[in-house]
Amino acid sequence: MIGFKNKKGLGRGLSSLIGEGKFAESTKANISDLKRNKYQPRKKFDETSLEELTESIKSRGIIQPIIVRNSNTDIKYEIIAGERRWLAAQRAGLHEVPIVVIEADDKKALEFGIVENVQRHDLNAIEEAEGYKRLIDEFSYDQEQVAKFIGKSRSHITNCLRLLSLPVELIEFVKDNKISPGHAKILVGLENSIFIAKKIISKRLSVRQAETLVKAYKAPSKKHIIKKDPNIKVLEHNLMEKIGMNIEIKNKKNNKGSITFHYKELDQLNRIIESIKKSY
């Protein structure tokens, strides 16, 4: 048994999660004895980066051990931090990997996964936001607690969480790096967000250019307001008083136009029809 805090290469953030006086077992395990953790916030791994790590492991082995906890299933261990190293080790043809076995409940497992990935910038913005949301929804954190725990500003946490309100199609755009988190933030709350996002992608707009585009779509159109002739207004008013219905008269410059009767029930419509029949 060795003190976790003395184990090199695990990162200060991860070490602090264990706390002073906690101990962990350092050993080796078969690749097949490990399985991914359901609380791992990271869902996608960059193929190029994974291939580079595979080549590194082939030549130098695994420098940082994989952090695991005992599993209550047929698979012996559950990975808490180091899934990418585990995947690369399989590609590299390793049969055994170095591990550090710790005691961790589901909450701690999620905390480990978020801290490791956020510190190394391995999560995309949506995965990061989903991790924060799980801390809030499943483990009763508030945004202030998440901010302090992760070491980020409260506004950063809030902005991340706002991304989850985007339409599903836009969330996939962010996950697939078709648009950046900066682009996504300016699309939150827009009714035509998908349309604008596709414009951003097709035209390869920067965030600043995208902001200008959004402002253009938000700006109210300046419609030319035509003032109605006062005599027409008087005529509309007189007719309204006479027949008890709203009347709208449109008269063009060539004196062609239309007159509209706004009736509220069939009796009013029949009265108009009968009046026209009597007069013509």
C-alpha atoms as a PDB file:
ATOM      1  CA  MET A   1       0.000   0.000   0.000  1.00  0.00           C
ATOM      2  CA  ILE A   2       1.322   3.443  -0.860  1.00  0.00           C
ATOM      3  CA  GLY A   3       0.133   6.962  -0.140  1.00  0.00           C
ATOM      4  CA  PHE A   4      -1.706   8.342  -3.149  1.00  0.00           C
ATOM      5  CA  LYS A   5      -0.246  11.807  -2.653  1.00  0.00           C
ATOM      6  CA  ASN A   6       3.240  10.381  -3.128  1.00  0.00           C
ATOM      7  CA  LYS A   7       2.483   8.770  -6.451  1.00  0.00           C
ATOM      8  CA  LYS A   8       3.987  10.894  -9.221  1.00  0.00           C
ATOM      9  CA  GLY A   9       2.291  11.974 -12.406  1.00  0.00           C
ATOM     10  CA  LEU A  10      -1.321  11.857 -11.222  1.00  0.00           C
ATOM     11  CA  GLY A  11      -1.913  15.592 -11.052  1.00  0.00           C
ATOM     12  CA  ARG A  12      -2.525  17.843  -8.049  1.00  0.00           C
ATOM     13  CA  GLY A  13      -6.244  18.098  -8.783  1.00  0.00           C
ATOM     14  CA  LEU A  14      -6.716  14.348  -8.740  1.00  0.00           C
ATOM     15  CA  SER A  15      -4.569  13.929  -5.663  1.00  0.00           C
ATOM     16  CA  SER A  16      -6.553  16.529  -3.745  1.00  0.00           C
ATOM     17  CA  LEU A  17      -9.748  14.575  -4.376  1.00  0.00           C
ATOM     18  CA  ILE A  18      -8.431  11.656  -2.390  1.00  0.00           C
ATOM     19  CA  GLY A  19      -7.605  13.870   0.557  1.00  0.00           C
ATOM     20  CA  GLU A  20      -4.902  13.706   3.156  1.00  0.00           C
ATOM     21  CA  GLY A  21      -4.391  10.376   4.930  1.00  0.00           C
ATOM     22  CA  LYS A  22      -6.094   8.319   2.195  1.00  0.00           C
ATOM     23  CA  PHE A  23      -4.239   5.361   0.764  1.00  0.00           C
ATOM     24  CA  ALA A  24      -4.374   3.538  -2.535  1.00  0.00           C
ATOM     25  CA  GLU A  25      -2.945   0.296  -3.873  1.00  0.00           C
ATOM     26  CA  SER A  26      -0.449   0.478  -6.749  1.00  0.00           C
ATOM     27  CA  THR A  27      -0.290  -2.665  -8.873  1.00  0.00           C
ATOM     28  CA  LYS A  28      -0.723  -4.033 -12.393  1.00  0.00           C
ATOM     29  CA  ALA A  29      -3.797  -5.536 -14.000  1.00  0.00           C
ATOM     30  CA  ASN A  30      -4.758  -7.341 -17.180  1.00  0.00           C
ATOM     31  CA  ILE A  31      -6.305  -5.123 -19.844  1.00  0.00           C
ATOM     32  CA  SER A  32      -9.419  -7.310 -19.782  1.00  0.00           C
ATOM     33  CA  ASP A  33      -9.851  -6.726 -16.035  1.00  0.00           C
ATOM     34  CA  LEU A  34     -10.719  -3.058 -16.646  1.00  0.00           C
ATOM     35  CA  LYS A  35     -13.919  -1.498 -17.924  1.00  0.00           C
ATOM     36  CA  ARG A  36     -14.930   2.100 -18.610  1.00  0.00           C
ATOM     37  CA  ASN A  37     -16.821   4.045 -15.947  1.00  0.00           C
ATOM     38  CA  LYS A  38     -20.439   5.045 -16.536  1.00  0.00           C
ATOM     39  CA  TYR A  39     -19.598   8.379 -14.892  1.00  0.00           C
ATOM     40  CA  GLN A  40     -16.832   9.150 -17.387  1.00  0.00           C
ATOM     41  CA  PRO A  41     -17.858  12.547 -18.819  1.00  0.00           C
ATOM     42  CA  ARG A  42     -15.814  12.086 -21.967  1.00  0.00           C
ATOM     43  CA  LYS A  43     -17.675  10.340 -24.774  1.00  0.00           C
ATOM     44  CA  LYS A  44     -15.514  11.023 -27.844  1.00  0.00           C
ATOM     45  CA  PHE A  45     -11.776  10.613 -28.318  1.00  0.00           C
ATOM     46  CA  ASP A  46      -9.830  12.367 -31.046  1.00  0.00           C
ATOM     47  CA  GLU A  47      -8.563   9.644 -33.367  1.00  0.00           C
ATOM     48  CA  THR A  48      -5.294  11.399 -34.221  1.00  0.00           C
ATOM     49  CA  SER A  49      -4.485  12.064 -30.573  1.00  0.00           C
ATOM     50  CA  LEU A  50      -5.340   8.473 -29.643  1.00  0.00           C
ATOM     51  CA  GLU A  51      -3.057   7.149 -32.376  1.00  0.00           C
ATOM     52  CA  GLU A  52      -0.202   9.380 -31.187  1.00  0.00           C
ATOM     53  CA  LEU A  53      -0.635   8.084 -27.641  1.00  0.00           C
ATOM     54  CA  THR A  54      -0.662   4.519 -28.956  1.00  0.00           C
ATOM     55  CA  GLU A  55       2.688   5.064 -30.660  1.00  0.00           C
ATOM     56  CA  SER A  56       4.093   6.665 -27.501  1.00  0.00           C
ATOM     57  CA  ILE A  57       2.992   3.683 -25.388  1.00  0.00           C
ATOM     58  CA  LYS A  58       4.560   1.282 -27.875  1.00  0.00           C
ATOM     59  CA  SER A  59       7.926   2.989 -27.466  1.00  0.00           C
ATOM     60  CA  ARG A  60       7.874   4.112 -23.825  1.00  0.00           C
ATOM     61  CA  GLY A  61       5.073   2.197 -22.126  1.00  0.00           C
ATOM     62  CA  ILE A  62       2.440   3.805 -19.871  1.00  0.00           C
ATOM     63  CA  ILE A  63       4.036   6.521 -17.741  1.00  0.00           C
ATOM     64  CA  GLN A  64       0.935   7.475 -15.727  1.00  0.00           C
ATOM     65  CA  PRO A  65      -1.004   4.636 -14.086  1.00  0.00           C
ATOM     66  CA  ILE A  66      -4.726   4.255 -14.657  1.00  0.00           C
ATOM     67  CA  ILE A  67      -6.866   5.137 -11.641  1.00  0.00           C
ATOM     68  CA  VAL A  68      -9.507   2.486 -10.917  1.00  0.00           C
ATOM     69  CA  ARG A  69     -11.915   1.322  -8.252  1.00  0.00           C
ATOM     70  CA  ASN A  70     -13.113  -2.167  -7.468  1.00  0.00           C
ATOM     71  CA  SER A  71     -16.108  -3.200  -9.541  1.00  0.00           C
ATOM     72  CA  ASN A  72     -19.168  -5.069  -8.309  1.00  0.00           C
ATOM     73  CA  THR A  73     -19.523  -6.863 -11.661  1.00  0.00           C
ATOM     74  CA  ASP A  74     -17.703  -9.734 -13.377  1.00  0.00           C
ATOM     75  CA  ILE A  75     -15.084  -7.227 -14.579  1.00  0.00           C
ATOM     76  CA  LYS A  76     -12.643  -6.678 -11.705  1.00  0.00           C
ATOM     77  CA  TYR A  77     -11.956  -2.926 -11.979  1.00  0.00           C
ATOM     78  CA  GLU A  78     -13.811   0.170 -13.142  1.00  0.00           C
ATOM     79  CA  ILE A  79     -11.754   2.998 -14.652  1.00  0.00           C
ATOM     80  CA  ILE A  80     -12.061   6.356 -12.930  1.00  0.00           C
ATOM     81  CA  ALA A  81      -9.312   8.275 -14.747  1.00  0.00           C
ATOM     82  CA  GLY A  82      -7.178   7.146 -17.685  1.00  0.00           C
ATOM     83  CA  GLU A  83      -9.636   5.628 -20.154  1.00  0.00           C
ATOM     84  CA  ARG A  84      -7.702   7.060 -23.116  1.00  0.00           C
ATOM     85  CA  ARG A  85      -4.507   5.400 -21.876  1.00  0.00           C
ATOM     86  CA  TRP A  86      -6.429   2.132 -21.500  1.00  0.00           C
ATOM     87  CA  LEU A  87      -7.750   2.333 -25.086  1.00  0.00           C
ATOM     88  CA  ALA A  88      -4.310   3.216 -26.466  1.00  0.00           C
ATOM     89  CA  ALA A  89      -2.722   0.378 -24.490  1.00  0.00           C
ATOM     90  CA  GLN A  90      -5.097  -2.069 -26.178  1.00  0.00           C
ATOM     91  CA  ARG A  91      -4.140  -0.699 -29.588  1.00  0.00           C
ATOM     92  CA  ALA A  92      -0.484  -0.961 -28.647  1.00  0.00           C
ATOM     93  CA  GLY A  93      -0.965  -4.648 -27.878  1.00  0.00           C
ATOM     94  CA  LEU A  94      -0.269  -4.452 -24.130  1.00  0.00           C
ATOM     95  CA  HIS A  95      -1.657  -7.233 -21.959  1.00  0.00           C
ATOM     96  CA  GLU A  96      -1.013  -5.510 -18.608  1.00  0.00           C
ATOM     97  CA  VAL A  97      -1.284  -1.891 -17.467  1.00  0.00           C
ATOM     98  CA  PRO A  98      -0.191  -0.119 -14.267  1.00  0.00           C
ATOM     99  CA  ILE A  99      -3.120   0.847 -12.060  1.00  0.00           C
ATOM    100  CA  VAL A 100      -3.801   2.641  -8.795  1.00  0.00           C
ATOM    101  CA  VAL A 101      -6.786   1.189  -6.941  1.00  0.00           C
ATOM    102  CA  ILE A 102      -8.683   3.671  -4.776  1.00  0.00           C
ATOM    103  CA  GLU A 103     -11.892   3.711  -2.768  1.00  0.00           C
ATOM    104  CA  ALA A 104     -14.420   5.923  -4.533  1.00  0.00           C
ATOM    105  CA  ASP A 105     -18.213   6.140  -4.604  1.00  0.00           C
ATOM    106  CA  ASP A 106     -20.170   7.281  -7.681  1.00  0.00           C
ATOM    107  CA  LYS A 107     -19.850  10.940  -6.729  1.00  0.00           C
ATOM    108  CA  LYS A 108     -16.094  10.681  -6.342  1.00  0.00           C
ATOM    109  CA  ALA A 109     -15.845   8.782  -9.622  1.00  0.00           C
ATOM    110  CA  LEU A 110     -17.618  11.580 -11.467  1.00  0.00           C
ATOM    111  CA  GLU A 111     -15.478  14.212  -9.740  1.00  0.00           C
ATOM    112  CA  PHE A 112     -12.310  12.389 -10.773  1.00  0.00           C
ATOM    113  CA  GLY A 113     -13.434  12.113 -14.389  1.00  0.00           C
ATOM    114  CA  ILE A 114     -14.332  15.789 -14.660  1.00  0.00           C
ATOM    115  CA  VAL A 115     -11.208  17.101 -12.936  1.00  0.00           C
ATOM    116  CA  GLU A 116      -8.830  14.950 -14.989  1.00  0.00           C
ATOM    117  CA  ASN A 117     -10.385  15.885 -18.317  1.00  0.00           C
ATOM    118  CA  VAL A 118     -10.985  19.565 -17.581  1.00  0.00           C
ATOM    119  CA  GLN A 119      -7.424  20.058 -16.338  1.00  0.00           C
ATOM    120  CA  ARG A 120      -6.066  18.463 -19.489  1.00  0.00           C
ATOM    121  CA  HIS A 121      -8.597  20.211 -21.773  1.00  0.00           C
ATOM    122  CA  ASP A 122      -9.703  16.822 -23.083  1.00  0.00           C
ATOM    123  CA  LEU A 123     -13.456  17.443 -22.897  1.00  0.00           C
ATOM    124  CA  ASN A 124     -15.418  19.234 -25.576  1.00  0.00           C
ATOM    125  CA  ALA A 125     -17.669  22.006 -24.281  1.00  0.00           C
ATOM    126  CA  ILE A 126     -20.821  19.844 -24.302  1.00  0.00           C
ATOM    127  CA  GLU A 127     -19.189  16.962 -22.401  1.00  0.00           C
ATOM    128  CA  GLU A 128     -17.860  19.487 -19.884  1.00  0.00           C
ATOM    129  CA  ALA A 129     -21.331  20.995 -19.444  1.00  0.00           C
ATOM    130  CA  GLU A 130     -22.922  17.548 -19.096  1.00  0.00           C
ATOM    131  CA  GLY A 131     -20.398  16.681 -16.377  1.00  0.00           C
ATOM    132  CA  TYR A 132     -21.266  19.839 -14.442  1.00  0.00           C
ATOM    133  CA  LYS A 133     -24.983  19.138 -14.869  1.00  0.00           C
ATOM    134  CA  ARG A 134     -24.564  15.658 -13.398  1.00  0.00           C
ATOM    135  CA  LEU A 135     -22.834  17.118 -10.351  1.00  0.00           C
ATOM    136  CA  ILE A 136     -25.812  19.465  -9.964  1.00  0.00           C
ATOM    137  CA  ASP A 137     -28.628  17.014 -10.762  1.00  0.00           C
ATOM    138  CA  GLU A 138     -27.307  13.822  -9.195  1.00  0.00           C
ATOM    139  CA  PHE A 139     -25.129  15.052  -6.341  1.00  0.00           C
ATOM    140  CA  SER A 140     -26.884  18.293  -5.294  1.00  0.00           C
ATOM    141  CA  TYR A 141     -24.092  20.720  -6.188  1.00  0.00           C
ATOM    142  CA  ASP A 142     -25.042  24.305  -6.993  1.00  0.00           C
ATOM    143  CA  GLN A 143     -23.191  26.351  -9.618  1.00  0.00           C
ATOM    144  CA  GLU A 144     -21.095  28.127  -7.009  1.00  0.00           C
ATOM    145  CA  GLN A 145     -19.936  24.804  -5.553  1.00  0.00           C
ATOM    146  CA  VAL A 146     -19.123  23.448  -9.010  1.00  0.00           C
ATOM    147  CA  ALA A 147     -17.089  26.578  -9.788  1.00  0.00           C
ATOM    148  CA  LYS A 148     -15.051  26.283  -6.581  1.00  0.00           C
ATOM    149  CA  PHE A 149     -14.534  22.545  -6.986  1.00  0.00           C
ATOM    150  CA  ILE A 150     -13.394  22.758 -10.619  1.00  0.00           C
ATOM    151  CA  GLY A 151     -11.407  25.959 -10.125  1.00  0.00           C
ATOM    152  CA  LYS A 152     -13.334  27.898 -12.772  1.00  0.00           C
ATOM    153  CA  SER A 153     -15.346  31.116 -12.531  1.00  0.00           C
ATOM    154  CA  ARG A 154     -19.078  31.003 -11.826  1.00  0.00           C
ATOM    155  CA  SER A 155     -19.726  32.677 -15.192  1.00  0.00           C
ATOM    156  CA  HIS A 156     -17.748  29.922 -16.959  1.00  0.00           C
ATOM    157  CA  ILE A 157     -19.946  27.253 -15.372  1.00  0.00           C
ATOM    158  CA  THR A 158     -23.124  29.190 -16.228  1.00  0.00           C
ATOM    159  CA  ASN A 159     -22.068  29.698 -19.857  1.00  0.00           C
ATOM    160  CA  CYS A 160     -21.180  26.020 -20.197  1.00  0.00           C
ATOM    161  CA  LEU A 161     -24.556  24.903 -18.851  1.00  0.00           C
ATOM    162  CA  ARG A 162     -26.400  27.290 -21.186  1.00  0.00           C
ATOM    163  CA  LEU A 163     -25.032  25.326 -24.151  1.00  0.00           C
ATOM    164  CA  LEU A 164     -27.227  22.386 -23.122  1.00  0.00           C
ATOM    165  CA  SER A 165     -30.316  24.468 -23.959  1.00  0.00           C
ATOM    166  CA  LEU A 166     -29.331  24.470 -27.648  1.00  0.00           C
ATOM    167  CA  PRO A 167     -31.250  22.275 -30.109  1.00  0.00           C
ATOM    168  CA  VAL A 168     -29.924  18.718 -30.380  1.00  0.00           C
ATOM    169  CA  GLU A 169     -28.571  19.350 -33.892  1.00  0.00           C
ATOM    170  CA  LEU A 170     -26.460  22.270 -32.647  1.00  0.00           C
ATOM    171  CA  ILE A 171     -25.178  20.263 -29.693  1.00  0.00           C
ATOM    172  CA  GLU A 172     -23.929  17.680 -32.189  1.00  0.00           C
ATOM    173  CA  PHE A 173     -22.249  20.470 -34.205  1.00  0.00           C
ATOM    174  CA  VAL A 174     -20.275  21.437 -31.085  1.00  0.00           C
ATOM    175  CA  LYS A 175     -19.388  17.820 -30.270  1.00  0.00           C
ATOM    176  CA  ASP A 176     -18.148  17.292 -33.832  1.00  0.00           C
ATOM    177  CA  ASN A 177     -16.174  20.585 -33.761  1.00  0.00           C
ATOM    178  CA  LYS A 178     -18.194  21.998 -36.649  1.00  0.00           C
ATOM    179  CA  ILE A 179     -18.744  25.138 -34.572  1.00  0.00           C
ATOM    180  CA  SER A 180     -16.747  26.322 -31.573  1.00  0.00           C
ATOM    181  CA  PRO A 181     -18.138  26.924 -28.069  1.00  0.00           C
ATOM    182  CA  GLY A 182     -17.716  30.635 -28.796  1.00  0.00           C
ATOM    183  CA  HIS A 183     -20.017  30.324 -31.804  1.00  0.00           C
ATOM    184  CA  ALA A 184     -22.466  28.202 -29.815  1.00  0.00           C
ATOM    185  CA  LYS A 185     -22.752  30.732 -26.963  1.00  0.00           C
ATOM    186  CA  ILE A 186     -24.047  33.468 -29.283  1.00  0.00           C
ATOM    187  CA  LEU A 187     -26.665  31.089 -30.704  1.00  0.00           C
ATOM    188  CA  VAL A 188     -28.284  30.266 -27.349  1.00  0.00           C
ATOM    189  CA  GLY A 189     -31.906  31.408 -27.261  1.00  0.00           C
ATOM    190  CA  LEU A 190     -32.206  32.219 -30.983  1.00  0.00           C
ATOM    191  CA  GLU A 191     -35.236  30.825 -32.800  1.00  0.00           C
ATOM    192  CA  ASN A 192     -33.260  30.550 -36.040  1.00  0.00           C
ATOM    193  CA  SER A 193     -30.102  29.199 -34.381  1.00  0.00           C
ATOM    194  CA  ILE A 194     -29.773  26.139 -36.651  1.00  0.00           C
ATOM    195  CA  PHE A 195     -30.129  28.273 -39.781  1.00  0.00           C
ATOM    196  CA  ILE A 196     -27.443  30.702 -38.551  1.00  0.00           C
ATOM    197  CA  ALA A 197     -25.166  27.842 -37.456  1.00  0.00           C
ATOM    198  CA  LYS A 198     -25.274  26.377 -40.957  1.00  0.00           C
ATOM    199  CA  LYS A 199     -24.383  29.814 -42.353  1.00  0.00           C
ATOM    200  CA  ILE A 200     -21.427  29.982 -39.943  1.00  0.00           C
ATOM    201  CA  ILE A 201     -20.237  26.554 -41.076  1.00  0.00           C
ATOM    202  CA  SER A 202     -20.703  27.092 -44.823  1.00  0.00           C
ATOM    203  CA  LYS A 203     -19.066  30.537 -44.803  1.00  0.00           C
ATOM    204  CA  ARG A 204     -16.440  29.589 -42.175  1.00  0.00           C
ATOM    205  CA  LEU A 205     -17.221  32.674 -40.112  1.00  0.00           C
ATOM    206  CA  SER A 206     -15.162  33.697 -37.105  1.00  0.00           C
ATOM    207  CA  VAL A 207     -16.943  34.275 -33.798  1.00  0.00           C
ATOM    208  CA  ARG A 208     -16.843  38.033 -34.369  1.00  0.00           C
ATOM    209  CA  GLN A 209     -18.261  37.654 -37.875  1.00  0.00           C
ATOM    210  CA  ALA A 210     -20.948  35.355 -36.485  1.00  0.00           C
ATOM    211  CA  GLU A 211     -21.873  37.982 -33.868  1.00  0.00           C
ATOM    212  CA  THR A 212     -22.324  40.540 -36.653  1.00  0.00           C
ATOM    213  CA  LEU A 213     -24.515  38.075 -38.555  1.00  0.00           C
ATOM    214  CA  VAL A 214     -26.676  37.446 -35.472  1.00  0.00           C
ATOM    215  CA  LYS A 215     -27.091  41.197 -34.886  1.00  0.00           C
ATOM    216  CA  ALA A 216     -28.205  41.618 -38.499  1.00  0.00           C
ATOM    217  CA  TYR A 217     -30.897  38.966 -38.063  1.00  0.00           C
ATOM    218  CA  LYS A 218     -31.983  40.416 -34.721  1.00  0.00           C
ATOM    219  CA  ALA A 219     -32.267  44.002 -36.027  1.00  0.00           C
ATOM    220  CA  PRO A 220     -35.903  44.954 -36.650  1.00  0.00           C
ATOM    221  CA  SER A 221     -36.667  45.706 -40.275  1.00  0.00           C
ATOM    222  CA  LYS A 222     -37.502  49.331 -40.925  1.00  0.00           C
ATOM    223  CA  LYS A 223     -40.755  49.187 -42.810  1.00  0.00           C
ATOM    224  CA  HIS A 224     -41.895  52.262 -44.638  1.00  0.00           C
ATOM    225  CA  ILE A 225     -44.950  53.502 -42.779  1.00  0.00           C
ATOM    226  CA  ILE A 226     -47.566  55.058 -45.066  1.00  0.00           C
ATOM    227  CA  LYS A 227     -49.713  57.606 -43.313  1.00  0.00           C
ATOM    228  CA  LYS A 228     -53.390  57.169 -44.050  1.00  0.00           C
ATOM    229  CA  ASP A 229     -55.293  60.083 -45.550  1.00  0.00           C
ATOM    230  CA  PRO A 230     -57.277  61.880 -42.773  1.00  0.00           C
ATOM    231  CA  ASN A 231     -60.377  61.900 -45.017  1.00  0.00           C
ATOM    232  CA  ILE A 232     -60.189  58.094 -45.338  1.00  0.00           C
ATOM    233  CA  LYS A 233     -59.896  57.812 -41.560  1.00  0.00           C
ATOM    234  CA  VAL A 234     -63.026  59.933 -41.093  1.00  0.00           C
ATOM    235  CA  LEU A 235     -64.895  57.803 -43.619  1.00  0.00           C
ATOM    236  CA  GLU A 236     -63.861  54.605 -41.822  1.00  0.00           C
ATOM    237  CA  HIS A 237     -65.053  56.040 -38.509  1.00  0.00           C
ATOM    238  CA  ASN A 238     -68.426  57.157 -39.893  1.00  0.00           C
ATOM    239  CA  LEU A 239     -69.083  53.787 -41.500  1.00  0.00           C
ATOM    240  CA  MET A 240     -68.091  51.964 -38.314  1.00  0.00           C
ATOM    241  CA  GLU A 241     -70.615  53.992 -36.299  1.00  0.00           C
ATOM    242  CA  LYS A 242     -73.278  53.451 -38.916  1.00  0.00           C
ATOM    243  CA  ILE A 243     -73.087  49.646 -39.245  1.00  0.00           C
ATOM    244  CA  GLY A 244     -71.379  48.691 -35.955  1.00  0.00           C
ATOM    245  CA  MET A 245     -68.415  46.923 -37.530  1.00  0.00           C
ATOM    246  CA  ASN A 246     -64.748  47.749 -37.969  1.00  0.00           C
ATOM    247  CA  ILE A 247     -64.049  49.006 -41.491  1.00  0.00           C
ATOM    248  CA  GLU A 248     -60.674  49.229 -43.202  1.00  0.00           C
ATOM    249  CA  ILE A 249     -60.314  51.253 -46.404  1.00  0.00           C
ATOM    250  CA  LYS A 250     -57.147  51.087 -48.500  1.00  0.00           C
ATOM    251  CA  ASN A 251     -56.905  53.711 -51.205  1.00  0.00           C
ATOM    252  CA  LYS A 252     -53.921  53.862 -53.574  1.00  0.00           C
ATOM    253  CA  LYS A 253     -52.553  56.904 -55.365  1.00  0.00           C
ATOM    254  CA  ASN A 254     -54.447  55.964 -58.537  1.00  0.00           C
ATOM    255  CA  ASN A 255     -57.619  55.859 -56.422  1.00  0.00           C
ATOM    256  CA  LYS A 256     -57.890  52.099 -56.692  1.00  0.00           C
ATOM    257  CA  GLY A 257     -58.124  50.096 -53.503  1.00  0.00           C
ATOM    258  CA  SER A 258     -60.211  47.885 -51.258  1.00  0.00           C
ATOM    259  CA  ILE A 259     -62.673  48.072 -48.398  1.00  0.00           C
ATOM    260  CA  THR A 260     -62.683  45.406 -45.687  1.00  0.00           C
ATOM    261  CA  PHE A 261     -65.546  44.675 -43.277  1.00  0.00           C
ATOM    262  CA  HIS A 262     -64.468  42.875 -40.063  1.00  0.00           C
ATOM    263  CA  TYR A 263     -67.535  40.956 -38.873  1.00  0.00           C
ATOM    264  CA  LYS A 264     -67.718  38.971 -35.643  1.00  0.00           C
ATOM    265  CA  GLU A 265     -70.683  36.725 -36.375  1.00  0.00           C
ATOM    266  CA  LEU A 266     -72.769  35.420 -39.275  1.00  0.00           C
ATOM    267  CA  ASP A 267     -75.620  37.839 -38.592  1.00  0.00           C
ATOM    268  CA  GLN A 268     -73.288  40.735 -39.314  1.00  0.00           C
ATOM    269  CA  LEU A 269     -72.114  39.096 -42.524  1.00  0.00           C
ATOM    270  CA  ASN A 270     -75.713  38.444 -43.661  1.00  0.00           C
ATOM    271  CA  ARG A 271     -76.589  42.100 -42.941  1.00  0.00           C
ATOM    272  CA  ILE A 272     -73.776  43.286 -45.179  1.00  0.00           C
ATOM    273  CA  ILE A 273     -74.807  40.900 -47.974  1.00  0.00           C
ATOM    274  CA  GLU A 274     -78.476  41.953 -47.788  1.00  0.00           C
ATOM    275  CA  SER A 275     -77.530  45.641 -47.874  1.00  0.00           C
ATOM    276  CA  ILE A 276     -75.422  45.099 -50.995  1.00  0.00           C
ATOM    277  CA  LYS A 277     -78.206  43.097 -52.675  1.00  0.00           C
ATOM    278  CA  LYS A 278     -80.771  45.849 -52.022  1.00  0.00           C
ATOM    279  CA  SER A 279     -78.505  48.520 -53.451  1.00  0.00           C
ATOM    280  CA  TYR A 280     -77.526  46.712 -56.670  1.00  0.00           C
END
